[in-house]
Amino acid sequence: MCKLFLSQDPASFTSETRAMRLHGHVTSLRLEQAFWVILEEIAAREEMSLARFVATLYDEIVERLGEMPNFASVLRVTCLHYLRNQELHATQLAAKKFHRQKNPEPIA
């Protein structure tokens, strides 16, 4: 046996429920702590709050699919995609920042 499980912090697979507001509606999302940590990391890199990042992801999925499948599963797979494609994410983030510098939003 590889004993991989023994090297894990038991807190990482403890489930945590967090309340979030999506377009004015409060919803609860239950994920393992390890996924919350990764989502917070992604949100920080995107320079967003976790709530805003989750709402943005929700909107992108609904826009693309027309409905929301199991959102907790979408969040878990998003974490896996991020971990497997960190170079791609860094490239996309750099392009987004470059675009913002070239096209600043008008001040209201």
Protein backbone atom coordinates (compact mmCIF):
# COMPACT_ATOMS: atom_id res chain seq x y z
CA MET A 1 0.00 0.00 0.00
CA CYS A 2 1.31 3.49 -0.83
CA LYS A 3 0.14 5.07 2.45
CA LEU A 4 -0.87 8.22 0.59
CA PHE A 5 -3.89 8.59 2.85
CA LEU A 6 -1.68 8.69 5.94
CA SER A 7 0.09 11.79 4.65
CA GLN A 8 -3.15 13.78 4.37
CA ASP A 9 -4.40 16.17 7.01
CA PRO A 10 -7.82 14.80 8.07
CA ALA A 11 -9.17 18.36 8.08
CA SER A 12 -8.67 18.55 4.31
CA PHE A 13 -11.46 16.08 3.61
CA THR A 14 -13.85 17.40 6.26
CA SER A 15 -16.94 18.88 4.63
CA GLU A 16 -17.77 22.51 5.18
CA THR A 17 -21.00 24.25 4.25
CA ARG A 18 -20.80 27.90 3.29
CA ALA A 19 -23.66 30.26 2.58
CA MET A 20 -23.25 32.38 -0.53
CA ARG A 21 -25.39 34.92 -2.31
CA LEU A 22 -25.92 34.34 -6.04
CA HIS A 23 -27.86 37.16 -7.68
CA GLY A 24 -29.62 38.09 -4.48
CA HIS A 25 -30.48 34.53 -3.49
CA VAL A 26 -28.75 32.87 -0.57
CA THR A 27 -27.63 29.33 -1.25
CA SER A 28 -25.52 26.84 0.66
CA LEU A 29 -22.61 24.99 -0.87
CA ARG A 30 -21.05 21.96 0.80
CA LEU A 31 -17.51 21.01 -0.22
CA GLU A 32 -14.52 19.41 1.38
CA GLN A 33 -12.15 21.89 3.02
CA ALA A 34 -9.40 21.14 0.46
CA PHE A 35 -11.67 22.39 -2.35
CA TRP A 36 -12.50 25.61 -0.47
CA VAL A 37 -8.77 26.29 -0.11
CA ILE A 38 -8.21 25.84 -3.85
CA LEU A 39 -11.23 27.99 -4.76
CA GLU A 40 -9.93 30.75 -2.48
CA GLU A 41 -6.54 30.52 -4.22
CA ILE A 42 -8.13 30.79 -7.66
CA ALA A 43 -10.28 33.74 -6.57
CA ALA A 44 -7.25 35.54 -5.13
CA ARG A 45 -5.33 35.05 -8.38
CA GLU A 46 -8.33 36.41 -10.26
CA GLU A 47 -8.34 39.37 -7.84
CA MET A 48 -11.88 38.59 -6.76
CA SER A 49 -13.59 37.68 -3.54
CA LEU A 50 -14.55 34.03 -3.28
CA ALA A 51 -18.24 34.95 -3.51
CA ARG A 52 -17.69 36.98 -6.69
CA PHE A 53 -15.59 34.22 -8.25
CA VAL A 54 -18.24 31.59 -7.50
CA ALA A 55 -20.98 33.86 -8.91
CA THR A 56 -18.92 34.50 -12.06
CA LEU A 57 -18.34 30.78 -12.55
CA TYR A 58 -22.06 30.12 -12.01
CA ASP A 59 -22.98 32.74 -14.64
CA GLU A 60 -20.49 31.32 -17.16
CA ILE A 61 -21.92 27.80 -16.77
CA VAL A 62 -25.53 28.97 -17.10
CA GLU A 63 -24.63 31.09 -20.14
CA ARG A 64 -22.94 28.12 -21.80
CA LEU A 65 -25.32 25.31 -20.81
CA GLY A 66 -28.58 27.17 -20.21
CA GLU A 67 -28.98 25.54 -16.80
CA MET A 68 -26.90 24.59 -13.80
CA PRO A 69 -26.02 20.96 -13.27
CA ASN A 70 -24.74 19.91 -9.85
CA PHE A 71 -22.90 23.09 -8.86
CA ALA A 72 -20.83 21.46 -6.11
CA SER A 73 -19.50 19.01 -8.71
CA VAL A 74 -18.74 21.91 -11.07
CA LEU A 75 -16.72 23.57 -8.30
CA ARG A 76 -14.77 20.38 -7.56
CA VAL A 77 -13.97 19.82 -11.24
CA THR A 78 -12.98 23.49 -11.56
CA CYS A 79 -10.42 22.91 -8.79
CA LEU A 80 -9.05 19.85 -10.58
CA HIS A 81 -8.90 21.70 -13.89
CA TYR A 82 -7.04 24.57 -12.23
CA LEU A 83 -4.50 22.22 -10.63
CA ARG A 84 -3.89 20.35 -13.87
CA ASN A 85 -3.69 23.49 -16.03
CA GLN A 86 -1.93 26.12 -13.94
CA GLU A 87 0.21 27.29 -16.88
CA LEU A 88 -2.91 27.82 -19.00
CA HIS A 89 -4.58 29.71 -16.16
CA ALA A 90 -1.50 31.92 -15.70
CA THR A 91 -1.43 32.69 -19.43
CA GLN A 92 -5.14 33.53 -19.49
CA LEU A 93 -4.81 35.70 -16.40
CA ALA A 94 -1.85 37.60 -17.90
CA ALA A 95 -3.83 38.19 -21.10
CA LYS A 96 -6.80 39.45 -19.11
CA LYS A 97 -4.60 41.87 -17.13
CA PHE A 98 -2.93 43.09 -20.32
CA HIS A 99 -6.35 43.69 -21.89
CA ARG A 100 -7.46 45.68 -18.80
CA GLN A 101 -4.33 47.84 -19.00
CA LYS A 102 -4.91 48.57 -22.69
CA ASN A 103 -8.66 49.14 -22.23
CA PRO A 104 -9.26 50.62 -18.77
CA GLU A 105 -12.86 50.86 -17.63
CA PRO A 106 -14.25 54.39 -17.74
CA ILE A 107 -14.61 56.11 -14.39
CA ALA A 108 -18.22 56.91 -13.60
